[in-house]
Amino acid sequence: MPRIYIGCANNLEKRLKEDIKGKVYSTKKMLPVELIYYEAYPSKDYAYEREKSLKTYGSSLAKIKSRLRLTKEGRAG
């Protein structure tokens, strides 16, 4: 079953390359990684607020999983 990682980055392309190479501690144990969904926000504050919402309230993450047709299993965070 795939694992889900939720996080913020100010340069998604750079972060994804680092994740794929195993250079990021928080995703190193999840290799191989694949980007299947992202959201963009106009400011860091909005992005961190959304990240917190996804990690705190299961319903927010469940809606995304439903849209992506993923099972409700998995771990966020």
N, C-alpha and C. Protein backbone atom coordinates (compact mmCIF):
# COMPACT_ATOMS: atom_id res chain seq x y z
N MET A 1 0.84 -1.18 0.00
CA MET A 1 0.00 0.00 0.00
C MET A 1 0.89 1.24 0.00
N PRO A 2 0.65 2.17 -0.90
CA PRO A 2 1.46 3.39 -0.93
C PRO A 2 1.27 4.23 0.32
N ARG A 3 2.31 4.93 0.69
CA ARG A 3 2.25 5.84 1.83
C ARG A 3 2.09 7.25 1.29
N ILE A 4 1.46 8.08 2.07
CA ILE A 4 1.22 9.45 1.67
C ILE A 4 2.05 10.38 2.53
N TYR A 5 2.75 11.30 1.88
CA TYR A 5 3.53 12.31 2.58
C TYR A 5 2.90 13.66 2.31
N ILE A 6 2.71 14.43 3.36
CA ILE A 6 2.15 15.77 3.24
C ILE A 6 3.21 16.75 3.73
N GLY A 7 3.52 17.73 2.92
CA GLY A 7 4.51 18.72 3.32
C GLY A 7 4.48 19.94 2.43
N CYS A 8 5.27 20.93 2.78
CA CYS A 8 5.36 22.18 2.03
C CYS A 8 6.76 22.34 1.46
N ALA A 9 6.82 22.99 0.31
CA ALA A 9 8.10 23.30 -0.32
C ALA A 9 7.94 24.57 -1.13
N ASN A 10 8.95 25.42 -1.11
CA ASN A 10 8.85 26.64 -1.91
C ASN A 10 9.34 26.43 -3.34
N ASN A 11 9.97 25.27 -3.61
CA ASN A 11 10.40 24.92 -4.95
C ASN A 11 10.11 23.44 -5.14
N LEU A 12 8.94 23.14 -5.67
CA LEU A 12 8.48 21.75 -5.78
C LEU A 12 9.39 20.90 -6.65
N GLU A 13 9.81 21.44 -7.78
CA GLU A 13 10.67 20.67 -8.68
C GLU A 13 11.98 20.27 -8.00
N LYS A 14 12.60 21.21 -7.30
CA LYS A 14 13.85 20.92 -6.58
C LYS A 14 13.61 19.91 -5.47
N ARG A 15 12.55 20.09 -4.72
CA ARG A 15 12.24 19.19 -3.61
C ARG A 15 11.99 17.77 -4.10
N LEU A 16 11.24 17.64 -5.19
CA LEU A 16 10.95 16.32 -5.73
C LEU A 16 12.22 15.61 -6.17
N LYS A 17 13.13 16.34 -6.81
CA LYS A 17 14.40 15.74 -7.23
C LYS A 17 15.19 15.25 -6.02
N GLU A 18 15.20 16.05 -4.95
CA GLU A 18 15.90 15.64 -3.72
C GLU A 18 15.24 14.42 -3.09
N ASP A 19 13.90 14.40 -3.10
CA ASP A 19 13.18 13.24 -2.56
C ASP A 19 13.52 11.97 -3.33
N ILE A 20 13.50 12.06 -4.64
CA ILE A 20 13.76 10.89 -5.49
C ILE A 20 15.17 10.35 -5.26
N LYS A 21 16.12 11.25 -5.00
CA LYS A 21 17.51 10.83 -4.75
C LYS A 21 17.73 10.37 -3.32
N GLY A 22 16.70 10.45 -2.46
CA GLY A 22 16.83 10.01 -1.08
C GLY A 22 17.58 10.99 -0.20
N LYS A 23 17.59 12.27 -0.56
CA LYS A 23 18.34 13.28 0.19
C LYS A 23 17.52 13.96 1.29
N VAL A 24 16.23 13.66 1.37
CA VAL A 24 15.36 14.31 2.35
C VAL A 24 15.00 13.30 3.44
N TYR A 25 15.33 13.63 4.68
CA TYR A 25 15.13 12.72 5.80
C TYR A 25 13.68 12.23 5.90
N SER A 26 12.73 13.16 5.76
CA SER A 26 11.32 12.80 5.98
C SER A 26 10.75 11.87 4.92
N THR A 27 11.36 11.78 3.75
CA THR A 27 10.84 10.90 2.71
C THR A 27 11.81 9.77 2.34
N LYS A 28 12.99 9.78 2.93
CA LYS A 28 14.02 8.79 2.59
C LYS A 28 13.54 7.35 2.80
N LYS A 29 12.74 7.13 3.84
CA LYS A 29 12.25 5.78 4.14
C LYS A 29 11.10 5.35 3.23
N MET A 30 10.61 6.26 2.39
CA MET A 30 9.45 5.97 1.54
C MET A 30 9.84 5.70 0.08
N LEU A 31 11.12 5.59 -0.20
CA LEU A 31 11.55 5.39 -1.58
C LEU A 31 10.99 4.12 -2.17
N PRO A 32 10.64 4.10 -3.42
CA PRO A 32 10.68 5.22 -4.34
C PRO A 32 9.48 6.14 -4.11
N VAL A 33 9.65 7.42 -4.43
CA VAL A 33 8.57 8.40 -4.27
C VAL A 33 8.03 8.79 -5.64
N GLU A 34 6.78 9.20 -5.65
CA GLU A 34 6.13 9.63 -6.88
C GLU A 34 5.15 10.74 -6.53
N LEU A 35 5.21 11.84 -7.23
CA LEU A 35 4.28 12.94 -7.02
C LEU A 35 2.99 12.62 -7.77
N ILE A 36 1.89 12.54 -7.04
CA ILE A 36 0.61 12.26 -7.69
C ILE A 36 -0.39 13.40 -7.53
N TYR A 37 -0.05 14.38 -6.66
CA TYR A 37 -0.98 15.47 -6.41
C TYR A 37 -0.24 16.60 -5.71
N TYR A 38 -0.57 17.82 -6.05
CA TYR A 38 -0.03 18.95 -5.30
C TYR A 38 -1.02 20.11 -5.36
N GLU A 39 -0.89 21.01 -4.43
CA GLU A 39 -1.69 22.22 -4.39
C GLU A 39 -0.73 23.40 -4.29
N ALA A 40 -1.05 24.51 -4.95
CA ALA A 40 -0.21 25.70 -4.90
C ALA A 40 -0.98 26.82 -4.20
N TYR A 41 -0.26 27.60 -3.41
CA TYR A 41 -0.87 28.69 -2.64
C TYR A 41 -0.08 29.97 -2.84
N PRO A 42 -0.74 31.13 -2.69
CA PRO A 42 -0.08 32.41 -2.93
C PRO A 42 0.93 32.82 -1.85
N SER A 43 0.86 32.17 -0.69
CA SER A 43 1.80 32.53 0.38
C SER A 43 2.14 31.31 1.22
N LYS A 44 3.26 31.43 1.93
CA LYS A 44 3.69 30.36 2.84
C LYS A 44 2.66 30.13 3.93
N ASP A 45 2.06 31.21 4.42
CA ASP A 45 1.07 31.09 5.50
C ASP A 45 -0.11 30.22 5.08
N TYR A 46 -0.63 30.46 3.87
CA TYR A 46 -1.74 29.65 3.38
C TYR A 46 -1.33 28.19 3.22
N ALA A 47 -0.13 27.98 2.70
CA ALA A 47 0.35 26.62 2.48
C ALA A 47 0.49 25.86 3.80
N TYR A 48 1.07 26.51 4.81
CA TYR A 48 1.24 25.84 6.10
C TYR A 48 -0.10 25.60 6.79
N GLU A 49 -1.04 26.51 6.59
CA GLU A 49 -2.39 26.33 7.15
C GLU A 49 -3.05 25.10 6.53
N ARG A 50 -2.91 24.95 5.21
CA ARG A 50 -3.48 23.79 4.52
C ARG A 50 -2.77 22.50 4.94
N GLU A 51 -1.46 22.54 5.07
CA GLU A 51 -0.71 21.37 5.51
C GLU A 51 -1.21 20.91 6.88
N LYS A 52 -1.37 21.86 7.78
CA LYS A 52 -1.86 21.54 9.12
C LYS A 52 -3.26 20.93 9.06
N SER A 53 -4.11 21.49 8.23
CA SER A 53 -5.47 20.97 8.07
C SER A 53 -5.45 19.52 7.59
N LEU A 54 -4.60 19.24 6.61
CA LEU A 54 -4.53 17.88 6.07
C LEU A 54 -3.99 16.89 7.11
N LYS A 55 -3.07 17.34 7.95
CA LYS A 55 -2.49 16.44 8.95
C LYS A 55 -3.38 16.29 10.18
N THR A 56 -4.22 17.27 10.44
CA THR A 56 -5.02 17.27 11.66
C THR A 56 -6.41 16.68 11.46
N TYR A 57 -7.03 17.02 10.36
CA TYR A 57 -8.41 16.60 10.12
C TYR A 57 -8.45 15.55 9.04
N GLY A 58 -8.83 14.35 9.41
CA GLY A 58 -8.87 13.24 8.46
C GLY A 58 -9.79 13.47 7.29
N SER A 59 -10.83 14.29 7.49
CA SER A 59 -11.79 14.51 6.41
C SER A 59 -11.16 15.25 5.24
N SER A 60 -10.25 16.16 5.51
CA SER A 60 -9.58 16.90 4.43
C SER A 60 -8.77 15.95 3.55
N LEU A 61 -8.01 15.09 4.18
CA LEU A 61 -7.21 14.11 3.44
C LEU A 61 -8.11 13.09 2.76
N ALA A 62 -9.18 12.69 3.41
CA ALA A 62 -10.11 11.71 2.82
C ALA A 62 -10.72 12.24 1.52
N LYS A 63 -11.02 13.53 1.47
CA LYS A 63 -11.58 14.13 0.25
C LYS A 63 -10.58 14.05 -0.90
N ILE A 64 -9.32 14.31 -0.61
CA ILE A 64 -8.29 14.21 -1.66
C ILE A 64 -8.15 12.77 -2.11
N LYS A 65 -8.09 11.85 -1.17
CA LYS A 65 -7.97 10.43 -1.53
C LYS A 65 -9.14 9.98 -2.38
N SER A 66 -10.32 10.46 -2.05
CA SER A 66 -11.50 10.11 -2.83
C SER A 66 -11.40 10.65 -4.25
N ARG A 67 -10.96 11.91 -4.38
CA ARG A 67 -10.79 12.51 -5.71
C ARG A 67 -9.77 11.75 -6.54
N LEU A 68 -8.74 11.26 -5.89
CA LEU A 68 -7.67 10.54 -6.59
C LEU A 68 -7.95 9.04 -6.71
N ARG A 69 -9.08 8.65 -6.14
CA ARG A 69 -9.49 7.23 -6.13
C ARG A 69 -8.47 6.35 -5.42
N LEU A 70 -7.96 6.85 -4.30
CA LEU A 70 -7.07 6.08 -3.45
C LEU A 70 -7.90 5.49 -2.32
N THR A 71 -7.44 4.42 -1.75
CA THR A 71 -8.15 3.84 -0.62
C THR A 71 -7.99 4.74 0.59
N LYS A 72 -8.78 4.52 1.60
CA LYS A 72 -8.70 5.32 2.80
C LYS A 72 -7.58 4.85 3.73
N GLU A 73 -6.87 3.82 3.32
CA GLU A 73 -5.74 3.35 4.12
C GLU A 73 -4.53 4.20 3.80
N GLY A 74 -3.56 4.14 4.65
CA GLY A 74 -2.34 4.89 4.42
C GLY A 74 -2.06 5.77 5.64
N ARG A 75 -0.97 6.46 5.62
CA ARG A 75 -0.58 7.29 6.75
C ARG A 75 -0.22 8.67 6.24
N ALA A 76 -0.74 9.66 6.90
CA ALA A 76 -0.39 11.04 6.56
C ALA A 76 0.57 11.57 7.60
N GLY A 77 1.52 12.37 7.17
CA GLY A 77 2.39 13.01 8.13
C GLY A 77 3.82 12.69 7.99
